Amino acid sequence: IAFKSDSTFSFISSSNNEKDKILGNFSGSINNAIYISSGNFIWTNSHNEIGNYSSNYQENSWIRKIGGKITSLRFSENILFVTSLDNFVYLFDINDGELLLKKRLDGRIVKSSFVFDRKIIVSAYNSSLVYIFDLKIVSNINLITLSDADFADGFGFSDNKLIISTPGKIYAYSPSCK
């Protein structure tokens, strides 16, 4: 398990609750970290950078710069989905950091994205547009337009339906999200 503080990570062993390793030398303060596989984790910092750190080799296998503050990280299999305040979503290959897709949304992305069955649902702040990305084919597969006065407040799945809540309504869509 990785914990963050200024420019270091501490690994805590789940078996004895003692610190196993403290890793340093990260540029800028660490904002977020997610564990992805044995000894590897994805981190973000205050310089809008994202990277894949391997504790086995004690080095970053890749680092990429994003155009704005990173607002959420999601991953499925070998695909990393990143949202940012630069109005873009990014899909990266987790292993080598290759940029697979970069797509501009219609506004700032301040809320977390939602993952279900290798699909990611995301919407920009106060936007009536909801984007659905398929991680299997690395593509934006659908765009749902809500009523002009509505904007997505939250996402979920129930009874095999995509549920989109707004301040005034709840929308339900088929599993294909159409």
N, C-alpha and C. Protein backbone atom coordinates (compact mmCIF):
# COMPACT_ATOMS: atom_id res chain seq x y z
N ILE A 1 0.87 -1.18 0.00
CA ILE A 1 0.00 0.00 0.00
C ILE A 1 0.90 1.22 0.00
N ALA A 2 0.59 2.19 -0.85
CA ALA A 2 1.41 3.40 -0.93
C ALA A 2 0.67 4.55 -0.26
N PHE A 3 1.38 5.30 0.54
CA PHE A 3 0.82 6.50 1.15
C PHE A 3 1.62 7.69 0.66
N LYS A 4 0.99 8.84 0.54
CA LYS A 4 1.66 9.99 -0.02
C LYS A 4 2.01 11.03 1.04
N SER A 5 3.06 11.75 0.77
CA SER A 5 3.43 12.92 1.55
C SER A 5 4.45 13.68 0.72
N ASP A 6 4.42 14.97 0.78
CA ASP A 6 5.24 15.86 -0.03
C ASP A 6 5.86 15.20 -1.25
N SER A 7 7.08 14.72 -1.17
CA SER A 7 7.74 14.13 -2.34
C SER A 7 8.18 12.70 -2.08
N THR A 8 7.52 12.02 -1.16
CA THR A 8 7.90 10.64 -0.87
C THR A 8 6.68 9.74 -0.78
N PHE A 9 6.91 8.46 -0.92
CA PHE A 9 5.89 7.44 -0.70
C PHE A 9 6.41 6.53 0.39
N SER A 10 5.55 6.05 1.23
CA SER A 10 5.90 5.04 2.22
C SER A 10 5.13 3.78 1.89
N PHE A 11 5.81 2.67 1.86
CA PHE A 11 5.14 1.38 1.67
C PHE A 11 4.97 0.74 3.04
N ILE A 12 3.76 0.34 3.34
CA ILE A 12 3.47 -0.30 4.61
C ILE A 12 3.14 -1.76 4.34
N SER A 13 3.80 -2.65 5.05
CA SER A 13 3.53 -4.07 4.89
C SER A 13 2.23 -4.41 5.61
N SER A 14 1.33 -5.10 4.91
CA SER A 14 0.06 -5.48 5.53
C SER A 14 0.25 -6.59 6.57
N SER A 15 1.38 -7.27 6.54
CA SER A 15 1.58 -8.38 7.47
C SER A 15 2.07 -7.92 8.84
N ASN A 16 2.90 -6.87 8.87
CA ASN A 16 3.44 -6.48 10.17
C ASN A 16 3.27 -4.98 10.48
N ASN A 17 2.59 -4.23 9.59
CA ASN A 17 2.31 -2.81 9.78
C ASN A 17 3.57 -1.95 9.97
N GLU A 18 4.70 -2.44 9.51
CA GLU A 18 5.92 -1.65 9.58
C GLU A 18 6.23 -1.09 8.21
N LYS A 19 6.93 0.04 8.18
CA LYS A 19 7.31 0.64 6.91
C LYS A 19 8.36 -0.25 6.24
N ASP A 20 8.07 -0.64 5.01
CA ASP A 20 9.03 -1.46 4.27
C ASP A 20 10.03 -0.58 3.54
N LYS A 21 9.53 0.46 2.86
CA LYS A 21 10.42 1.30 2.05
C LYS A 21 9.89 2.72 2.06
N ILE A 22 10.77 3.66 1.96
CA ILE A 22 10.37 5.04 1.72
C ILE A 22 11.06 5.45 0.43
N LEU A 23 10.28 5.88 -0.52
CA LEU A 23 10.81 6.26 -1.83
C LEU A 23 10.75 7.77 -1.96
N GLY A 24 11.79 8.36 -2.49
CA GLY A 24 11.83 9.81 -2.64
C GLY A 24 12.19 10.20 -4.06
N ASN A 25 12.69 11.40 -4.21
CA ASN A 25 13.16 11.94 -5.48
C ASN A 25 12.06 12.09 -6.52
N PHE A 26 10.84 12.39 -6.09
CA PHE A 26 9.78 12.70 -7.01
C PHE A 26 9.75 14.20 -7.20
N SER A 27 9.57 14.65 -8.41
CA SER A 27 9.50 16.07 -8.71
C SER A 27 8.14 16.61 -8.29
N GLY A 28 8.12 17.63 -7.44
CA GLY A 28 6.86 18.21 -6.99
C GLY A 28 6.17 17.35 -5.95
N SER A 29 5.20 17.90 -5.27
CA SER A 29 4.51 17.13 -4.24
C SER A 29 3.57 16.12 -4.90
N ILE A 30 3.49 14.96 -4.31
CA ILE A 30 2.65 13.88 -4.84
C ILE A 30 1.19 14.18 -4.51
N ASN A 31 0.33 14.15 -5.53
CA ASN A 31 -1.10 14.41 -5.34
C ASN A 31 -1.92 13.15 -5.18
N ASN A 32 -1.52 12.09 -5.89
CA ASN A 32 -2.35 10.90 -5.94
C ASN A 32 -1.47 9.71 -6.31
N ALA A 33 -1.89 8.53 -5.88
CA ALA A 33 -1.20 7.30 -6.28
C ALA A 33 -2.19 6.16 -6.25
N ILE A 34 -2.10 5.29 -7.25
CA ILE A 34 -2.92 4.08 -7.26
C ILE A 34 -2.03 2.88 -7.54
N TYR A 35 -2.27 1.83 -6.81
CA TYR A 35 -1.53 0.59 -6.96
C TYR A 35 -2.09 -0.16 -8.16
N ILE A 36 -1.23 -0.61 -9.08
CA ILE A 36 -1.73 -1.30 -10.27
C ILE A 36 -1.30 -2.75 -10.38
N SER A 37 -0.14 -3.10 -9.85
CA SER A 37 0.31 -4.50 -9.90
C SER A 37 1.46 -4.65 -8.92
N SER A 38 1.97 -5.86 -8.77
CA SER A 38 3.01 -6.08 -7.77
C SER A 38 4.20 -5.17 -8.00
N GLY A 39 4.38 -4.28 -7.06
CA GLY A 39 5.52 -3.37 -7.12
C GLY A 39 5.36 -2.17 -8.02
N ASN A 40 4.26 -2.01 -8.72
CA ASN A 40 4.06 -0.86 -9.61
C ASN A 40 2.88 -0.01 -9.15
N PHE A 41 3.02 1.31 -9.27
CA PHE A 41 1.90 2.19 -9.03
C PHE A 41 1.99 3.41 -9.93
N ILE A 42 0.84 3.99 -10.18
CA ILE A 42 0.73 5.23 -10.97
C ILE A 42 0.66 6.38 -9.97
N TRP A 43 1.40 7.44 -10.22
CA TRP A 43 1.39 8.61 -9.34
C TRP A 43 1.16 9.88 -10.16
N THR A 44 0.67 10.91 -9.50
CA THR A 44 0.56 12.24 -10.10
C THR A 44 1.21 13.23 -9.15
N ASN A 45 1.64 14.37 -9.71
CA ASN A 45 2.26 15.37 -8.84
C ASN A 45 1.71 16.76 -9.13
N SER A 46 2.22 17.73 -8.39
CA SER A 46 1.74 19.11 -8.50
C SER A 46 2.20 19.80 -9.79
N HIS A 47 3.06 19.16 -10.56
CA HIS A 47 3.52 19.70 -11.85
C HIS A 47 2.71 19.14 -13.02
N ASN A 48 1.55 18.56 -12.74
CA ASN A 48 0.67 17.96 -13.75
C ASN A 48 1.35 16.82 -14.50
N GLU A 49 2.19 16.10 -13.79
CA GLU A 49 2.84 14.94 -14.37
C GLU A 49 2.20 13.67 -13.82
N ILE A 50 2.31 12.63 -14.63
CA ILE A 50 1.82 11.32 -14.25
C ILE A 50 2.91 10.32 -14.61
N GLY A 51 3.08 9.30 -13.78
CA GLY A 51 4.13 8.34 -14.07
C GLY A 51 3.80 6.96 -13.52
N ASN A 52 4.58 5.99 -13.96
CA ASN A 52 4.47 4.61 -13.50
C ASN A 52 5.78 4.28 -12.79
N TYR A 53 5.70 4.06 -11.49
CA TYR A 53 6.89 3.77 -10.69
C TYR A 53 6.97 2.29 -10.38
N SER A 54 8.12 1.70 -10.61
CA SER A 54 8.36 0.30 -10.31
C SER A 54 9.24 0.22 -9.06
N SER A 55 8.69 -0.30 -7.96
CA SER A 55 9.49 -0.42 -6.74
C SER A 55 10.53 -1.53 -6.89
N ASN A 56 10.29 -2.48 -7.80
CA ASN A 56 11.27 -3.55 -8.04
C ASN A 56 12.57 -2.98 -8.60
N TYR A 57 12.44 -2.01 -9.51
CA TYR A 57 13.63 -1.39 -10.13
C TYR A 57 13.96 -0.05 -9.49
N GLN A 58 13.11 0.42 -8.57
CA GLN A 58 13.26 1.69 -7.88
C GLN A 58 13.47 2.86 -8.84
N GLU A 59 12.63 2.88 -9.87
CA GLU A 59 12.66 3.98 -10.83
C GLU A 59 11.33 4.07 -11.57
N ASN A 60 11.13 5.21 -12.20
CA ASN A 60 9.94 5.40 -13.01
C ASN A 60 10.15 4.74 -14.36
N SER A 61 9.18 3.94 -14.78
CA SER A 61 9.30 3.34 -16.11
C SER A 61 8.85 4.33 -17.18
N TRP A 62 8.00 5.31 -16.80
CA TRP A 62 7.64 6.38 -17.72
C TRP A 62 7.01 7.54 -16.94
N ILE A 63 7.12 8.75 -17.51
CA ILE A 63 6.52 9.96 -16.97
C ILE A 63 5.96 10.75 -18.14
N ARG A 64 4.74 11.27 -17.99
CA ARG A 64 4.12 12.11 -19.02
C ARG A 64 3.60 13.39 -18.38
N LYS A 65 3.59 14.46 -19.13
CA LYS A 65 3.07 15.76 -18.69
C LYS A 65 1.67 15.94 -19.25
N ILE A 66 0.74 16.39 -18.41
CA ILE A 66 -0.65 16.66 -18.78
C ILE A 66 -0.83 18.17 -18.77
N GLY A 67 -1.77 18.68 -19.55
CA GLY A 67 -1.95 20.13 -19.69
C GLY A 67 -2.59 20.84 -18.52
N GLY A 68 -3.16 20.13 -17.55
CA GLY A 68 -3.80 20.75 -16.39
C GLY A 68 -3.79 19.81 -15.22
N LYS A 69 -4.29 20.29 -14.09
CA LYS A 69 -4.35 19.46 -12.88
C LYS A 69 -5.16 18.20 -13.16
N ILE A 70 -4.64 17.07 -12.73
CA ILE A 70 -5.29 15.78 -12.93
C ILE A 70 -6.40 15.62 -11.91
N THR A 71 -7.62 15.32 -12.40
CA THR A 71 -8.77 15.23 -11.50
C THR A 71 -9.18 13.80 -11.19
N SER A 72 -8.85 12.84 -12.05
CA SER A 72 -9.14 11.45 -11.70
C SER A 72 -8.28 10.49 -12.51
N LEU A 73 -8.05 9.33 -11.91
CA LEU A 73 -7.31 8.24 -12.54
C LEU A 73 -8.17 6.99 -12.43
N ARG A 74 -8.30 6.28 -13.52
CA ARG A 74 -8.99 4.99 -13.53
C ARG A 74 -8.17 4.05 -14.42
N PHE A 75 -8.19 2.76 -14.09
CA PHE A 75 -7.51 1.83 -14.98
C PHE A 75 -8.26 0.52 -15.04
N SER A 76 -8.09 -0.13 -16.19
CA SER A 76 -8.66 -1.44 -16.43
C SER A 76 -7.68 -2.18 -17.31
N GLU A 77 -7.27 -3.35 -16.84
CA GLU A 77 -6.27 -4.14 -17.55
C GLU A 77 -5.04 -3.27 -17.80
N ASN A 78 -4.70 -2.98 -19.04
CA ASN A 78 -3.48 -2.21 -19.31
C ASN A 78 -3.76 -0.79 -19.78
N ILE A 79 -4.97 -0.29 -19.55
CA ILE A 79 -5.34 1.05 -20.01
C ILE A 79 -5.54 1.96 -18.80
N LEU A 80 -4.92 3.13 -18.85
CA LEU A 80 -5.08 4.14 -17.81
C LEU A 80 -5.90 5.29 -18.38
N PHE A 81 -6.97 5.66 -17.70
CA PHE A 81 -7.86 6.75 -18.11
C PHE A 81 -7.63 7.91 -17.16
N VAL A 82 -7.31 9.09 -17.72
CA VAL A 82 -6.97 10.26 -16.91
C VAL A 82 -7.86 11.42 -17.33
N THR A 83 -8.45 12.12 -16.34
CA THR A 83 -9.18 13.35 -16.62
C THR A 83 -8.39 14.51 -16.03
N SER A 84 -8.56 15.69 -16.66
CA SER A 84 -7.74 16.82 -16.29
C SER A 84 -8.51 18.13 -16.42
N LEU A 85 -8.08 19.15 -15.69
CA LEU A 85 -8.70 20.46 -15.78
C LEU A 85 -8.36 21.18 -17.09
N ASP A 86 -7.59 20.56 -17.97
CA ASP A 86 -7.34 21.15 -19.29
C ASP A 86 -8.44 20.80 -20.29
N ASN A 87 -9.54 20.18 -19.80
CA ASN A 87 -10.71 19.80 -20.59
C ASN A 87 -10.48 18.57 -21.46
N PHE A 88 -9.42 17.85 -21.24
CA PHE A 88 -9.12 16.64 -22.02
C PHE A 88 -9.23 15.40 -21.15
N VAL A 89 -9.56 14.28 -21.80
CA VAL A 89 -9.38 12.96 -21.21
C VAL A 89 -8.24 12.31 -21.99
N TYR A 90 -7.47 11.50 -21.29
CA TYR A 90 -6.32 10.82 -21.89
C TYR A 90 -6.44 9.34 -21.60
N LEU A 91 -6.08 8.51 -22.57
CA LEU A 91 -5.93 7.09 -22.35
C LEU A 91 -4.49 6.73 -22.66
N PHE A 92 -3.84 6.09 -21.67
CA PHE A 92 -2.45 5.69 -21.81
C PHE A 92 -2.33 4.18 -21.66
N ASP A 93 -1.32 3.61 -22.31
CA ASP A 93 -0.93 2.23 -22.05
C ASP A 93 -0.17 2.26 -20.73
N ILE A 94 -0.61 1.49 -19.74
CA ILE A 94 0.01 1.52 -18.42
C ILE A 94 1.46 1.06 -18.47
N ASN A 95 1.78 0.12 -19.35
CA ASN A 95 3.12 -0.46 -19.37
C ASN A 95 4.19 0.49 -19.87
N ASP A 96 3.91 1.22 -20.96
CA ASP A 96 4.95 2.07 -21.54
C ASP A 96 4.58 3.56 -21.61
N GLY A 97 3.38 3.93 -21.16
CA GLY A 97 2.98 5.33 -21.15
C GLY A 97 2.59 5.88 -22.51
N GLU A 98 2.45 5.01 -23.52
CA GLU A 98 2.06 5.49 -24.85
C GLU A 98 0.67 6.12 -24.79
N LEU A 99 0.54 7.31 -25.37
CA LEU A 99 -0.75 7.98 -25.44
C LEU A 99 -1.59 7.29 -26.50
N LEU A 100 -2.71 6.70 -26.08
CA LEU A 100 -3.58 5.97 -26.99
C LEU A 100 -4.73 6.83 -27.51
N LEU A 101 -5.17 7.79 -26.70
CA LEU A 101 -6.29 8.64 -27.09
C LEU A 101 -6.25 9.91 -26.26
N LYS A 102 -6.51 11.04 -26.92
CA LYS A 102 -6.65 12.32 -26.24
C LYS A 102 -7.89 12.98 -26.83
N LYS A 103 -8.88 13.30 -25.97
CA LYS A 103 -10.14 13.85 -26.46
C LYS A 103 -10.55 15.04 -25.60
N ARG A 104 -10.89 16.14 -26.28
CA ARG A 104 -11.36 17.34 -25.57
C ARG A 104 -12.84 17.19 -25.28
N LEU A 105 -13.22 17.49 -24.03
CA LEU A 105 -14.62 17.54 -23.66
C LEU A 105 -15.10 18.98 -23.71
N ASP A 106 -16.36 19.21 -23.46
CA ASP A 106 -16.96 20.53 -23.63
C ASP A 106 -16.79 21.43 -22.41
N GLY A 107 -15.95 21.08 -21.47
CA GLY A 107 -15.73 21.92 -20.30
C GLY A 107 -14.77 21.26 -19.33
N ARG A 108 -14.60 21.87 -18.17
CA ARG A 108 -13.70 21.35 -17.15
C ARG A 108 -14.23 20.05 -16.57
N ILE A 109 -13.33 19.12 -16.35
CA ILE A 109 -13.69 17.82 -15.82
C ILE A 109 -13.28 17.82 -14.35
N VAL A 110 -14.23 18.10 -13.48
CA VAL A 110 -13.90 18.21 -12.06
C VAL A 110 -14.38 17.03 -11.24
N LYS A 111 -15.31 16.25 -11.75
CA LYS A 111 -15.81 15.09 -11.02
C LYS A 111 -15.10 13.83 -11.49
N SER A 112 -15.09 12.84 -10.61
CA SER A 112 -14.50 11.57 -10.98
C SER A 112 -15.30 10.89 -12.08
N SER A 113 -14.61 10.13 -12.86
CA SER A 113 -15.26 9.32 -13.88
C SER A 113 -15.79 8.05 -13.22
N PHE A 114 -16.62 7.31 -13.94
CA PHE A 114 -17.23 6.09 -13.42
C PHE A 114 -16.86 4.94 -14.35
N VAL A 115 -16.43 3.83 -13.79
CA VAL A 115 -16.02 2.66 -14.58
C VAL A 115 -17.03 1.54 -14.40
N PHE A 116 -17.43 0.93 -15.53
CA PHE A 116 -18.29 -0.25 -15.49
C PHE A 116 -18.02 -1.10 -16.72
N ASP A 117 -17.66 -2.35 -16.49
CA ASP A 117 -17.49 -3.32 -17.56
C ASP A 117 -16.64 -2.78 -18.71
N ARG A 118 -15.46 -2.27 -18.38
CA ARG A 118 -14.49 -1.71 -19.34
C ARG A 118 -15.00 -0.50 -20.10
N LYS A 119 -16.01 0.13 -19.56
CA LYS A 119 -16.48 1.40 -20.11
C LYS A 119 -16.29 2.46 -19.05
N ILE A 120 -15.94 3.66 -19.50
CA ILE A 120 -15.78 4.79 -18.58
C ILE A 120 -16.77 5.86 -18.98
N ILE A 121 -17.50 6.35 -17.98
CA ILE A 121 -18.49 7.39 -18.21
C ILE A 121 -17.97 8.66 -17.53
N VAL A 122 -18.01 9.77 -18.26
CA VAL A 122 -17.49 11.03 -17.72
C VAL A 122 -18.25 12.19 -18.32
N SER A 123 -18.34 13.27 -17.57
CA SER A 123 -19.01 14.48 -18.05
C SER A 123 -18.25 15.68 -17.51
N ALA A 124 -18.27 16.76 -18.25
CA ALA A 124 -17.64 18.00 -17.80
C ALA A 124 -18.56 18.72 -16.83
N TYR A 125 -18.00 19.63 -16.07
CA TYR A 125 -18.75 20.40 -15.08
C TYR A 125 -19.89 21.17 -15.73
N ASN A 126 -21.09 21.06 -15.18
CA ASN A 126 -22.29 21.75 -15.66
C ASN A 126 -22.55 21.53 -17.15
N SER A 127 -22.25 20.35 -17.64
CA SER A 127 -22.44 20.02 -19.05
C SER A 127 -23.62 19.07 -19.22
N SER A 128 -24.35 19.24 -20.30
CA SER A 128 -25.45 18.32 -20.60
C SER A 128 -24.97 17.14 -21.44
N LEU A 129 -23.67 17.05 -21.70
CA LEU A 129 -23.10 15.95 -22.49
C LEU A 129 -22.42 14.93 -21.59
N VAL A 130 -22.69 13.65 -21.85
CA VAL A 130 -22.08 12.55 -21.12
C VAL A 130 -21.33 11.70 -22.13
N TYR A 131 -20.03 11.50 -21.92
CA TYR A 131 -19.18 10.75 -22.84
C TYR A 131 -18.97 9.35 -22.30
N ILE A 132 -18.99 8.37 -23.21
CA ILE A 132 -18.75 6.98 -22.83
C ILE A 132 -17.57 6.47 -23.67
N PHE A 133 -16.55 6.01 -22.98
CA PHE A 133 -15.35 5.48 -23.62
C PHE A 133 -15.28 3.99 -23.38
N ASP A 134 -14.88 3.25 -24.40
CA ASP A 134 -14.71 1.81 -24.30
C ASP A 134 -13.21 1.53 -24.22
N LEU A 135 -12.75 0.96 -23.12
CA LEU A 135 -11.33 0.69 -22.94
C LEU A 135 -10.85 -0.49 -23.77
N LYS A 136 -11.76 -1.37 -24.14
CA LYS A 136 -11.36 -2.54 -24.94
C LYS A 136 -10.91 -2.11 -26.34
N ILE A 137 -11.63 -1.17 -26.94
CA ILE A 137 -11.27 -0.72 -28.29
C ILE A 137 -10.62 0.66 -28.28
N VAL A 138 -10.40 1.22 -27.08
CA VAL A 138 -9.76 2.52 -26.88
C VAL A 138 -10.41 3.58 -27.78
N SER A 139 -11.67 3.83 -27.50
CA SER A 139 -12.42 4.77 -28.33
C SER A 139 -13.57 5.40 -27.55
N ASN A 140 -13.96 6.60 -27.98
CA ASN A 140 -15.17 7.24 -27.48
C ASN A 140 -16.32 6.62 -28.26
N ILE A 141 -17.17 5.82 -27.60
CA ILE A 141 -18.18 5.06 -28.32
C ILE A 141 -19.55 5.70 -28.33
N ASN A 142 -19.78 6.65 -27.43
CA ASN A 142 -21.11 7.23 -27.39
C ASN A 142 -21.07 8.59 -26.73
N LEU A 143 -22.05 9.41 -27.08
CA LEU A 143 -22.24 10.72 -26.50
C LEU A 143 -23.72 10.86 -26.21
N ILE A 144 -24.05 11.00 -24.95
CA ILE A 144 -25.45 11.17 -24.54
C ILE A 144 -25.68 12.64 -24.28
N THR A 145 -26.75 13.17 -24.85
CA THR A 145 -27.10 14.57 -24.63
C THR A 145 -28.34 14.63 -23.74
N LEU A 146 -28.17 15.21 -22.57
CA LEU A 146 -29.28 15.39 -21.64
C LEU A 146 -30.06 16.64 -22.04
N SER A 147 -31.22 16.88 -21.42
CA SER A 147 -31.96 18.12 -21.70
C SER A 147 -31.05 19.31 -21.44
N ASP A 148 -31.29 20.40 -22.15
CA ASP A 148 -30.44 21.59 -22.04
C ASP A 148 -30.27 22.07 -20.60
N ALA A 149 -31.30 21.97 -19.79
CA ALA A 149 -31.23 22.48 -18.42
C ALA A 149 -30.57 21.49 -17.46
N ASP A 150 -30.34 20.25 -17.89
CA ASP A 150 -29.78 19.23 -17.00
C ASP A 150 -28.28 19.06 -17.22
N PHE A 151 -27.59 18.70 -16.15
CA PHE A 151 -26.19 18.31 -16.24
C PHE A 151 -25.98 17.12 -15.31
N ALA A 152 -25.05 16.27 -15.70
CA ALA A 152 -24.80 15.03 -14.96
C ALA A 152 -24.24 15.35 -13.58
N ASP A 153 -24.88 14.77 -12.59
CA ASP A 153 -24.45 14.92 -11.20
C ASP A 153 -23.75 13.67 -10.70
N GLY A 154 -24.15 12.52 -11.24
CA GLY A 154 -23.56 11.26 -10.82
C GLY A 154 -23.96 10.13 -11.76
N PHE A 155 -23.22 9.03 -11.66
CA PHE A 155 -23.43 7.88 -12.53
C PHE A 155 -23.53 6.61 -11.70
N GLY A 156 -24.19 5.61 -12.24
CA GLY A 156 -24.26 4.32 -11.59
C GLY A 156 -24.87 3.30 -12.54
N PHE A 157 -24.89 2.06 -12.12
CA PHE A 157 -25.54 1.00 -12.88
C PHE A 157 -26.51 0.28 -11.96
N SER A 158 -27.70 0.01 -12.46
CA SER A 158 -28.71 -0.71 -11.70
C SER A 158 -29.58 -1.48 -12.68
N ASP A 159 -29.86 -2.73 -12.34
CA ASP A 159 -30.67 -3.59 -13.21
C ASP A 159 -30.19 -3.55 -14.65
N ASN A 160 -28.86 -3.59 -14.81
CA ASN A 160 -28.24 -3.60 -16.13
C ASN A 160 -28.54 -2.35 -16.95
N LYS A 161 -28.73 -1.23 -16.28
CA LYS A 161 -28.98 0.05 -16.95
C LYS A 161 -27.98 1.08 -16.44
N LEU A 162 -27.51 1.94 -17.34
CA LEU A 162 -26.70 3.09 -16.95
C LEU A 162 -27.65 4.12 -16.36
N ILE A 163 -27.39 4.55 -15.14
CA ILE A 163 -28.21 5.55 -14.47
C ILE A 163 -27.41 6.85 -14.39
N ILE A 164 -28.01 7.93 -14.88
CA ILE A 164 -27.39 9.26 -14.81
C ILE A 164 -28.32 10.13 -13.97
N SER A 165 -27.79 10.62 -12.86
CA SER A 165 -28.60 11.52 -12.03
C SER A 165 -28.23 12.96 -12.35
N THR A 166 -29.24 13.82 -12.31
CA THR A 166 -29.06 15.25 -12.52
C THR A 166 -29.76 15.95 -11.36
N PRO A 167 -29.60 17.25 -11.21
CA PRO A 167 -30.31 17.93 -10.12
C PRO A 167 -31.84 17.79 -10.19
N GLY A 168 -32.39 17.55 -11.38
CA GLY A 168 -33.84 17.50 -11.49
C GLY A 168 -34.42 16.20 -11.99
N LYS A 169 -33.60 15.32 -12.58
CA LYS A 169 -34.12 14.10 -13.20
C LYS A 169 -33.14 12.96 -13.02
N ILE A 170 -33.65 11.76 -13.29
CA ILE A 170 -32.80 10.57 -13.37
C ILE A 170 -33.04 9.94 -14.73
N TYR A 171 -31.96 9.67 -15.46
CA TYR A 171 -32.04 9.05 -16.79
C TYR A 171 -31.55 7.61 -16.67
N ALA A 172 -32.13 6.70 -17.47
CA ALA A 172 -31.69 5.30 -17.52
C ALA A 172 -31.50 4.93 -18.98
N TYR A 173 -30.40 4.24 -19.25
CA TYR A 173 -30.06 3.81 -20.62
C TYR A 173 -29.77 2.34 -20.64
N SER A 174 -29.95 1.72 -21.81
CA SER A 174 -29.69 0.28 -21.98
C SER A 174 -28.21 -0.01 -21.76
N PRO A 175 -27.83 -1.28 -21.58
CA PRO A 175 -26.43 -1.63 -21.35
C PRO A 175 -25.49 -1.17 -22.47
N SER A 176 -25.99 -1.04 -23.68
CA SER A 176 -25.13 -0.55 -24.76
C SER A 176 -24.92 0.96 -24.63
N CYS A 177 -25.60 1.57 -23.67
CA CYS A 177 -25.50 3.02 -23.41
C CYS A 177 -26.03 3.84 -24.55
N LYS A 178 -27.02 3.33 -25.28
CA LYS A 178 -27.62 4.06 -26.39
C LYS A 178 -29.03 4.43 -26.04
